[in-house]
Amino acid sequence: MKKLFLPLATGVSLLAAHSVAFGSDPQQLLRATEPRVIEWRRHLHRNPELGNREFETAKYIERHLQSLGMETESGVAHTGVIGLLKGGKPGPTVALRADMDALPVTERTDVPFASNARSTYQGRDVGVMHACGHDTHVAMLMGAAEVLANLRDQLAGNVLFIFQPAEEGAPDGEEGGAELMLKEGLFKKYKPDVAFGQHVTSSLPAGVFGYRSGPLMAAADEFRITITGRQTHGSRPWGGVDPIVAAAQVVMGTQAIVSRQIDITKEPAVISYGRIDGGVRNNIIPDSVYLNGTIRNFDMDSRAEIFKRLKTTAELIAESSGAVAKVDILEGYPVTINNAELTQMALPVLRSVAGEKKVIEVPKITGAEDFSYFANAVPGFFYFLGITPQGEDPSKAPSNHSPLFYVEESALRQGTEALTLLTLDYMANYRKQ
């Protein structure tokens, strides 16, 4: 197996080591960039755009990358922007990713740069807000780009800056996000050796990093089941086939897939129903019932087994009552898996940024992330950065996707520094075999 890196000796100050190597001080560059990162973030927060519609956001990013003398590419996966920073020395290519899209959420914070933007989502007029912190991701990556561009002559390798649209999902009927970027040949063209990504979270105090080796975030898949019976009067159910009773049996029966048929000592899994729709009147048994839900799990083999068993279970339960079940599974984001070796390389970097006690292992998260596509293509490391103000209880803070989602901006310095040092440290310790 190819070694991704040679570990640094313990006790080495990473910034001090890189200052000697570069003949300049990355810390000084980071300090100079910090107010600009906050300025960029506030501009982006005030001007959010939904997935695959990040037109002005893309222009804003591309202008910045071009001002740093980078080669850029726009219109990737609709609105994505790519910047390539070529170092002065040979070495690996490190991919750094930030997502750009906002959410159909009407902001309710009282910050002076709050969003008043509106757009159309699924045919409805909606407010638009960076309620998941993607504005901070873009700003921090723009900051890392500025610092690294100032060190280009000494860089032992290249940096691929990926500003990705539609992480929250493409509009109905469209493709998008990381999957489409790869489908269009992003990694075939630029050939990165590794990929790093970060995500702010209200579940951690500001400046605290959360990590986990191996499976970190779940695969997220949608299923749709239509159970067709035969309509009849509610007073004589024997005159037809009741799809409502069949649907109830399917809901209960499919719960046994996780509780009795999947080895959850390997990795946990969840099958949840979020919608049941059938019938129009109390005394009419309808022709059909529609079920809609989600599957979450942390193992790709278990995922395939759940797909198969869900289909078989629903079809046979419906058949036993004389009904017919049509099962459609829409595969979503795969499991986000952190490369174990890359995780071990990254931990000293995060600790050098935040301090030993502010880098903590977090439990598995049943939410999903399309950074998973990048981490399936090359070794990847994805981590969290806390943004809840000190003194506040993160368990009570408005969560990501809330209209009250709030970012303690002092944490952005640490996120920018982490992206910068992860890149420098990987390049400094990389040995191709």
Protein backbone atom coordinates (compact mmCIF):
# COMPACT_ATOMS: atom_id res chain seq x y z
CA MET A 1 0.00 0.00 0.00
CA LYS A 2 1.30 3.43 -0.92
CA LYS A 3 2.25 5.54 2.08
CA LEU A 4 0.40 8.85 1.99
CA PHE A 5 2.90 10.65 4.19
CA LEU A 6 5.81 10.31 6.56
CA PRO A 7 4.70 11.39 10.05
CA LEU A 8 6.23 14.47 11.65
CA ALA A 9 8.23 14.06 14.80
CA THR A 10 6.15 14.74 17.89
CA GLY A 11 6.52 18.14 19.49
CA VAL A 12 7.33 19.94 16.26
CA SER A 13 5.65 23.34 15.96
CA LEU A 14 4.05 23.11 12.54
CA LEU A 15 3.92 26.83 11.91
CA ALA A 16 7.50 27.23 13.11
CA ALA A 17 8.63 24.37 10.90
CA HIS A 18 6.90 25.79 7.85
CA SER A 19 8.18 29.31 8.59
CA VAL A 20 11.75 28.00 8.42
CA ALA A 21 11.02 25.99 5.28
CA PHE A 22 9.40 28.89 3.44
CA GLY A 23 11.54 31.71 4.73
CA SER A 24 8.28 33.49 5.59
CA ASP A 25 5.66 33.28 8.29
CA PRO A 26 2.35 31.59 7.34
CA GLN A 27 1.02 32.83 10.69
CA GLN A 28 1.59 36.42 9.65
CA LEU A 29 -0.13 35.77 6.33
CA LEU A 30 -3.07 34.18 8.15
CA ARG A 31 -3.39 37.18 10.48
CA ALA A 32 -3.44 39.52 7.52
CA THR A 33 -6.09 37.44 5.77
CA GLU A 34 -8.46 37.04 8.75
CA PRO A 35 -10.42 40.31 8.35
CA ARG A 36 -10.78 39.67 4.63
CA VAL A 37 -12.19 36.18 5.31
CA ILE A 38 -14.84 37.75 7.55
CA GLU A 39 -15.57 40.41 4.93
CA TRP A 40 -15.98 37.74 2.22
CA ARG A 41 -18.20 35.66 4.46
CA ARG A 42 -20.51 38.58 5.22
CA HIS A 43 -20.82 39.46 1.54
CA LEU A 44 -21.71 35.86 0.69
CA HIS A 45 -24.13 35.64 3.61
CA ARG A 46 -25.93 38.76 2.45
CA ASN A 47 -26.16 37.40 -1.11
CA PRO A 48 -27.02 33.69 -0.92
CA GLU A 49 -28.00 31.55 -3.93
CA LEU A 50 -29.63 28.13 -4.16
CA GLY A 51 -27.99 25.03 -5.61
CA ASN A 52 -27.08 25.10 -9.33
CA ARG A 53 -27.98 28.80 -9.28
CA GLU A 54 -24.81 30.17 -7.63
CA PHE A 55 -24.04 32.47 -10.57
CA GLU A 56 -22.95 35.61 -8.69
CA THR A 57 -21.21 33.55 -6.01
CA ALA A 58 -19.16 31.85 -8.72
CA LYS A 59 -18.15 35.18 -10.28
CA TYR A 60 -17.12 36.51 -6.86
CA ILE A 61 -14.90 33.48 -6.22
CA GLU A 62 -13.38 33.39 -9.69
CA ARG A 63 -12.40 37.06 -9.55
CA HIS A 64 -10.54 36.39 -6.30
CA LEU A 65 -8.70 33.33 -7.63
CA GLN A 66 -7.70 35.17 -10.80
CA SER A 67 -6.41 38.09 -8.72
CA LEU A 68 -4.05 35.58 -7.11
CA GLY A 69 -2.69 34.58 -10.53
CA MET A 70 -4.35 31.17 -10.64
CA GLU A 71 -5.62 29.21 -13.58
CA THR A 72 -9.40 29.01 -13.18
CA GLU A 73 -12.25 27.07 -14.70
CA SER A 74 -15.91 28.03 -14.30
CA GLY A 75 -19.22 26.42 -15.19
CA VAL A 76 -18.14 23.08 -13.74
CA ALA A 77 -21.24 21.04 -12.83
CA HIS A 78 -23.30 24.11 -13.84
CA THR A 79 -21.83 26.78 -11.54
CA GLY A 80 -18.74 25.29 -9.90
CA VAL A 81 -15.39 27.09 -9.90
CA ILE A 82 -11.96 25.45 -9.97
CA GLY A 83 -8.66 27.12 -9.20
CA LEU A 84 -5.28 25.46 -9.77
CA LEU A 85 -2.28 26.79 -7.87
CA LYS A 86 0.96 25.40 -9.28
CA GLY A 87 3.77 25.22 -6.78
CA GLY A 88 7.37 25.99 -7.63
CA LYS A 89 8.57 22.48 -6.79
CA PRO A 90 7.39 19.01 -7.78
CA GLY A 91 5.05 17.16 -5.46
CA PRO A 92 1.50 15.92 -4.96
CA THR A 93 -1.74 17.68 -5.86
CA VAL A 94 -3.89 18.46 -2.82
CA ALA A 95 -7.61 19.11 -3.38
CA LEU A 96 -9.41 21.48 -1.00
CA ARG A 97 -13.19 21.68 -1.28
CA ALA A 98 -15.84 24.19 -0.20
CA ASP A 99 -19.55 24.02 -1.04
CA MET A 100 -21.30 27.20 -2.23
CA ASP A 101 -25.09 26.75 -2.08
CA ALA A 102 -27.59 28.20 0.35
CA LEU A 103 -30.94 26.83 1.56
CA PRO A 104 -34.61 27.77 1.02
CA VAL A 105 -34.83 29.21 4.54
CA THR A 106 -36.03 32.66 5.59
CA GLU A 107 -33.42 34.15 7.91
CA ARG A 108 -34.47 35.22 11.41
CA THR A 109 -31.16 36.37 12.88
CA ASP A 110 -30.52 40.01 13.77
CA VAL A 111 -27.02 40.30 12.30
CA PRO A 112 -26.56 43.46 10.19
CA PHE A 113 -25.62 41.38 7.14
CA ALA A 114 -28.67 39.10 7.33
CA SER A 115 -30.11 37.86 4.05
CA ASN A 116 -33.26 39.34 2.56
CA ALA A 117 -32.88 37.30 -0.62
CA ARG A 118 -35.78 35.44 -2.17
CA SER A 119 -35.95 32.86 -4.93
CA THR A 120 -38.13 30.10 -6.33
CA TYR A 121 -37.81 26.58 -4.96
CA GLN A 122 -39.99 23.73 -6.28
CA GLY A 123 -42.38 26.30 -7.72
CA ARG A 124 -42.72 28.27 -4.48
CA ASP A 125 -41.44 31.70 -3.51
CA VAL A 126 -38.99 31.21 -0.63
CA GLY A 127 -36.47 33.08 1.45
CA VAL A 128 -32.83 32.12 0.89
CA MET A 129 -30.23 31.84 3.66
CA HIS A 130 -26.80 30.38 4.26
CA ALA A 131 -28.27 28.38 7.14
CA CYS A 132 -25.66 25.62 6.92
CA GLY A 133 -22.52 27.73 6.84
CA HIS A 134 -21.48 27.22 3.24
CA ASP A 135 -20.70 30.95 3.10
CA THR A 136 -18.04 30.34 5.75
CA HIS A 137 -16.65 27.36 3.84
CA VAL A 138 -16.19 29.47 0.72
CA ALA A 139 -14.64 32.37 2.65
CA MET A 140 -12.18 30.14 4.52
CA LEU A 141 -11.09 28.44 1.31
CA MET A 142 -10.66 31.83 -0.37
CA GLY A 143 -8.46 32.75 2.60
CA ALA A 144 -6.39 29.57 2.34
CA ALA A 145 -6.00 30.26 -1.39
CA GLU A 146 -4.60 33.71 -0.64
CA VAL A 147 -2.10 32.42 1.92
CA LEU A 148 -0.94 29.51 -0.23
CA ALA A 149 -0.66 31.71 -3.33
CA ASN A 150 1.80 33.88 -1.41
CA LEU A 151 3.90 30.75 -0.83
CA ARG A 152 3.63 29.34 -4.37
CA ASP A 153 7.33 29.44 -5.23
CA GLN A 154 8.19 27.22 -2.27
CA LEU A 155 5.18 24.88 -2.56
CA ALA A 156 6.22 21.28 -3.23
CA GLY A 157 3.19 20.40 -5.31
CA ASN A 158 -0.07 21.86 -6.56
CA VAL A 159 -3.32 22.85 -4.86
CA LEU A 160 -6.69 22.24 -6.48
CA PHE A 161 -9.33 24.58 -5.07
CA ILE A 162 -12.82 23.14 -5.59
CA PHE A 163 -15.77 25.47 -5.08
CA GLN A 164 -18.68 23.08 -5.44
CA PRO A 165 -22.34 23.87 -6.14
CA ALA A 166 -25.47 22.05 -4.98
CA GLU A 167 -24.20 20.14 -1.95
CA GLU A 168 -27.72 20.35 -0.52
CA GLY A 169 -29.01 18.60 -3.64
CA ALA A 170 -29.72 19.68 -7.18
CA PRO A 171 -33.15 21.03 -8.15
CA ASP A 172 -35.69 18.41 -9.25
CA GLY A 173 -34.83 17.05 -12.67
CA GLU A 174 -31.21 18.26 -12.59
CA GLU A 175 -27.86 16.70 -11.75
CA GLY A 176 -25.35 18.52 -9.61
CA GLY A 177 -22.81 18.61 -6.84
CA ALA A 178 -19.68 16.53 -6.32
CA GLU A 179 -21.07 13.57 -8.26
CA LEU A 180 -21.56 15.65 -11.41
CA MET A 181 -18.14 17.25 -11.03
CA LEU A 182 -16.53 13.81 -11.08
CA LYS A 183 -18.81 12.65 -13.88
CA GLU A 184 -17.57 15.61 -15.96
CA GLY A 185 -13.99 14.45 -15.36
CA LEU A 186 -12.71 16.80 -12.65
CA PHE A 187 -10.37 14.31 -10.99
CA LYS A 188 -9.34 12.71 -14.28
CA LYS A 189 -8.18 16.10 -15.47
CA TYR A 190 -6.42 17.37 -12.33
CA LYS A 191 -5.49 14.02 -10.68
CA PRO A 192 -5.42 15.02 -6.99
CA ASP A 193 -3.66 12.68 -4.57
CA VAL A 194 -5.87 13.53 -1.57
CA ALA A 195 -8.88 15.69 -0.74
CA PHE A 196 -9.63 17.72 2.39
CA GLY A 197 -12.95 19.28 3.37
CA GLN A 198 -14.42 20.93 6.44
CA HIS A 199 -17.88 21.83 7.70
CA VAL A 200 -18.92 24.27 10.41
CA THR A 201 -21.34 22.99 13.04
CA SER A 202 -23.35 24.53 15.87
CA SER A 203 -22.98 21.29 17.84
CA LEU A 204 -19.43 22.22 18.90
CA PRO A 205 -18.05 25.33 20.66
CA ALA A 206 -16.28 27.87 18.48
CA GLY A 207 -12.77 26.79 17.56
CA VAL A 208 -13.20 23.12 18.46
CA PHE A 209 -12.47 20.56 15.74
CA GLY A 210 -14.43 17.31 15.53
CA TYR A 211 -13.09 14.31 13.63
CA ARG A 212 -13.58 10.59 13.20
CA SER A 213 -11.53 8.00 11.33
CA GLY A 214 -13.38 5.64 9.01
CA PRO A 215 -17.13 6.10 8.46
CA LEU A 216 -18.11 9.58 9.63
CA MET A 217 -21.38 10.46 7.89
CA ALA A 218 -24.08 8.15 6.61
CA ALA A 219 -25.21 7.24 3.15
CA ALA A 220 -28.58 8.87 2.50
CA ASP A 221 -31.03 7.17 0.15
CA GLU A 222 -34.70 7.75 -0.58
CA PHE A 223 -37.30 5.08 -1.22
CA ARG A 224 -40.76 5.36 -2.71
CA ILE A 225 -43.31 2.58 -2.44
CA THR A 226 -46.70 2.57 -4.19
CA ILE A 227 -49.06 -0.12 -2.97
CA THR A 228 -51.96 -0.76 -5.31
CA GLY A 229 -55.09 -2.60 -4.19
CA ARG A 230 -58.70 -2.34 -5.36
CA GLN A 231 -61.11 0.33 -4.19
CA THR A 232 -64.22 -0.65 -2.28
CA HIS A 233 -66.67 0.69 0.30
CA GLY A 234 -65.32 0.86 3.85
CA SER A 235 -68.34 -1.15 5.09
CA ARG A 236 -67.39 -4.18 2.98
CA PRO A 237 -63.59 -4.44 2.77
CA TRP A 238 -63.89 -8.00 1.42
CA GLY A 239 -65.19 -6.46 -1.79
CA GLY A 240 -61.78 -5.09 -2.72
CA VAL A 241 -58.12 -5.15 -1.69
CA ASP A 242 -57.17 -2.75 1.10
CA PRO A 243 -53.83 -1.02 0.35
CA ILE A 244 -53.94 0.89 3.64
CA VAL A 245 -53.71 -2.28 5.74
CA ALA A 246 -51.02 -3.62 3.39
CA ALA A 247 -49.11 -0.34 3.73
CA ALA A 248 -49.29 -0.56 7.53
CA GLN A 249 -47.91 -4.09 7.38
CA VAL A 250 -45.13 -2.96 5.06
CA VAL A 251 -44.15 -0.15 7.46
CA MET A 252 -43.92 -2.58 10.37
CA GLY A 253 -42.42 -5.43 8.38
CA THR A 254 -39.58 -3.41 6.92
CA GLN A 255 -38.48 -2.32 10.41
CA ALA A 256 -37.36 -5.92 10.94
CA ILE A 257 -34.79 -5.50 8.18
CA VAL A 258 -32.59 -3.42 10.48
CA SER A 259 -33.59 -5.02 13.78
CA ARG A 260 -33.39 -8.65 12.65
CA GLN A 261 -31.68 -9.05 9.26
CA ILE A 262 -28.73 -6.62 9.13
CA ASP A 263 -25.68 -7.10 11.33
CA ILE A 264 -25.75 -3.77 13.18
CA THR A 265 -22.69 -4.72 15.23
CA LYS A 266 -20.81 -3.94 12.01
CA GLU A 267 -22.38 -0.52 11.41
CA PRO A 268 -25.73 1.00 12.45
CA ALA A 269 -28.58 1.56 9.98
CA VAL A 270 -31.97 3.28 9.96
CA ILE A 271 -35.11 2.90 7.83
CA SER A 272 -37.53 5.77 8.43
CA TYR A 273 -40.87 6.64 6.84
CA GLY A 274 -41.57 10.34 6.44
CA ARG A 275 -44.74 10.29 4.37
CA ILE A 276 -47.83 8.10 3.97
CA ASP A 277 -50.48 9.28 1.53
CA GLY A 278 -53.68 7.42 0.66
CA GLY A 279 -57.44 7.86 0.58
CA VAL A 280 -59.80 10.83 0.48
CA ARG A 281 -62.76 9.84 2.67
CA ASN A 282 -63.38 7.91 5.90
CA ASN A 283 -65.63 5.24 4.35
CA ILE A 284 -63.84 4.62 1.05
CA ILE A 285 -60.98 2.14 0.87
CA PRO A 286 -58.73 3.64 -1.83
CA ASP A 287 -57.02 2.06 -4.80
CA SER A 288 -53.50 2.90 -3.68
CA VAL A 289 -51.24 4.21 -0.92
CA TYR A 290 -47.92 6.01 -1.35
CA LEU A 291 -45.05 5.59 1.13
CA ASN A 292 -41.90 7.70 1.15
CA GLY A 293 -38.87 7.44 3.41
CA THR A 294 -35.12 7.43 3.93
CA ILE A 295 -32.39 4.86 4.52
CA ARG A 296 -29.25 5.78 6.46
CA ASN A 297 -26.26 3.51 7.05
CA PHE A 298 -22.47 3.49 7.29
CA ASP A 299 -21.44 0.45 5.26
CA MET A 300 -21.75 0.14 1.50
CA ASP A 301 -22.28 -3.65 1.55
CA SER A 302 -25.03 -3.32 4.16
CA ARG A 303 -26.53 -0.56 2.07
CA ALA A 304 -26.89 -2.88 -0.94
CA GLU A 305 -28.39 -5.59 1.29
CA ILE A 306 -30.96 -3.17 2.74
CA PHE A 307 -31.98 -2.12 -0.78
CA LYS A 308 -32.58 -5.74 -1.76
CA ARG A 309 -34.45 -6.68 1.41
CA LEU A 310 -36.64 -3.57 1.37
CA LYS A 311 -37.83 -4.38 -2.13
CA THR A 312 -38.43 -8.06 -1.38
CA THR A 313 -40.18 -7.42 1.95
CA ALA A 314 -42.54 -4.78 0.59
CA GLU A 315 -43.44 -6.78 -2.50
CA LEU A 316 -44.14 -10.04 -0.65
CA ILE A 317 -46.14 -8.41 2.17
CA ALA A 318 -48.31 -6.63 -0.39
CA GLU A 319 -48.72 -9.83 -2.41
CA SER A 320 -49.86 -11.73 0.70
CA SER A 321 -52.90 -9.43 0.93
CA GLY A 322 -53.65 -9.40 -2.79
CA ALA A 323 -52.06 -6.00 -3.42
CA VAL A 324 -49.03 -5.08 -5.51
CA ALA A 325 -46.06 -3.03 -4.27
CA LYS A 326 -43.84 -1.04 -6.63
CA VAL A 327 -40.58 -0.09 -4.92
CA ASP A 328 -38.25 2.61 -6.25
CA ILE A 329 -34.95 3.35 -4.48
CA LEU A 330 -33.22 6.61 -5.33
CA GLU A 331 -29.57 6.34 -4.38
CA GLY A 332 -28.29 9.46 -2.67
CA TYR A 333 -24.91 10.33 -1.20
CA PRO A 334 -22.69 7.37 -0.27
CA VAL A 335 -20.99 6.96 3.12
CA THR A 336 -18.43 9.65 3.96
CA ILE A 337 -15.34 7.66 4.95
CA ASN A 338 -12.18 9.26 6.31
CA ASN A 339 -8.99 7.54 5.26
CA ALA A 340 -7.35 6.16 8.42
CA GLU A 341 -3.79 7.11 7.47
CA LEU A 342 -4.79 10.59 6.36
CA THR A 343 -6.71 11.07 9.62
CA GLN A 344 -3.60 10.24 11.62
CA MET A 345 -1.62 12.75 9.57
CA ALA A 346 -4.25 15.43 10.09
CA LEU A 347 -4.65 15.19 13.86
CA PRO A 348 -1.33 16.84 14.79
CA VAL A 349 -2.19 19.64 12.36
CA LEU A 350 -5.59 20.28 13.94
CA ARG A 351 -4.06 20.12 17.43
CA SER A 352 -1.41 22.63 16.45
CA VAL A 353 -4.19 25.00 15.35
CA ALA A 354 -6.68 24.59 18.20
CA GLY A 355 -4.80 22.93 21.05
CA GLU A 356 -4.86 19.36 22.29
CA LYS A 357 -8.14 19.64 24.21
CA LYS A 358 -10.01 21.26 21.35
CA VAL A 359 -9.66 18.36 18.92
CA ILE A 360 -12.20 15.71 19.82
CA GLU A 361 -13.47 12.49 18.32
CA VAL A 362 -17.15 12.81 17.43
CA PRO A 363 -19.72 10.01 17.08
CA LYS A 364 -21.02 8.85 13.71
CA ILE A 365 -23.47 11.29 12.15
CA THR A 366 -26.57 10.03 10.33
CA GLY A 367 -26.61 13.17 8.20
CA ALA A 368 -24.98 12.90 4.78
CA GLU A 369 -22.41 14.83 2.73
CA ASP A 370 -21.53 14.67 -0.94
CA PHE A 371 -17.84 15.16 -0.12
CA SER A 372 -18.22 11.37 0.09
CA TYR A 373 -17.87 11.17 -3.70
CA PHE A 374 -14.47 12.87 -3.55
CA ALA A 375 -13.37 10.68 -0.63
CA ASN A 376 -14.37 7.57 -2.58
CA ALA A 377 -12.25 8.69 -5.54
CA VAL A 378 -9.06 9.56 -3.60
CA PRO A 379 -8.06 9.32 0.08
CA GLY A 380 -10.07 11.96 1.90
CA PHE A 381 -10.36 13.64 5.28
CA PHE A 382 -13.47 15.58 6.30
CA TYR A 383 -13.81 17.26 9.70
CA PHE A 384 -16.01 19.68 11.64
CA LEU A 385 -15.32 23.15 13.03
CA GLY A 386 -17.41 24.41 15.93
CA ILE A 387 -18.97 27.88 15.58
CA THR A 388 -21.20 28.25 18.67
CA PRO A 389 -20.04 31.22 20.82
CA GLN A 390 -18.10 30.40 23.99
CA GLY A 391 -20.36 30.29 27.03
CA GLU A 392 -23.38 29.01 25.07
CA ASP A 393 -24.53 25.41 25.27
CA PRO A 394 -24.04 23.85 21.80
CA SER A 395 -26.82 21.36 22.51
CA LYS A 396 -29.25 24.29 22.74
CA ALA A 397 -27.83 26.41 19.91
CA PRO A 398 -29.89 26.74 16.70
CA SER A 399 -28.81 23.85 14.53
CA ASN A 400 -27.51 23.89 10.98
CA HIS A 401 -30.49 24.56 8.65
CA SER A 402 -32.25 26.66 11.29
CA PRO A 403 -33.41 30.20 10.36
CA LEU A 404 -31.60 31.26 13.56
CA PHE A 405 -28.28 29.56 12.66
CA TYR A 406 -25.45 31.76 13.94
CA VAL A 407 -21.69 31.68 13.30
CA GLU A 408 -19.08 32.91 15.77
CA GLU A 409 -16.77 34.42 13.18
CA SER A 410 -13.60 34.17 15.29
CA ALA A 411 -13.58 30.44 14.46
CA LEU A 412 -13.02 31.19 10.77
CA ARG A 413 -9.37 31.97 11.48
CA GLN A 414 -8.85 28.42 12.72
CA GLY A 415 -10.66 26.91 9.75
CA THR A 416 -8.52 28.90 7.32
CA GLU A 417 -5.36 27.92 9.18
CA ALA A 418 -6.36 24.25 9.22
CA LEU A 419 -6.86 24.13 5.45
CA THR A 420 -3.55 25.90 4.92
CA LEU A 421 -1.51 23.71 7.26
CA LEU A 422 -3.11 20.45 6.13
CA THR A 423 -1.91 21.33 2.63
CA LEU A 424 1.60 22.38 3.68
CA ASP A 425 2.04 19.43 6.01
CA TYR A 426 0.89 16.88 3.48
CA MET A 427 3.26 18.29 0.87
CA ALA A 428 6.16 18.43 3.35
CA ASN A 429 5.74 14.82 4.41
CA TYR A 430 4.54 13.22 1.18
CA ARG A 431 6.64 10.46 -0.28
CA LYS A 432 5.48 8.76 -3.46
CA GLN A 433 6.31 5.06 -3.59
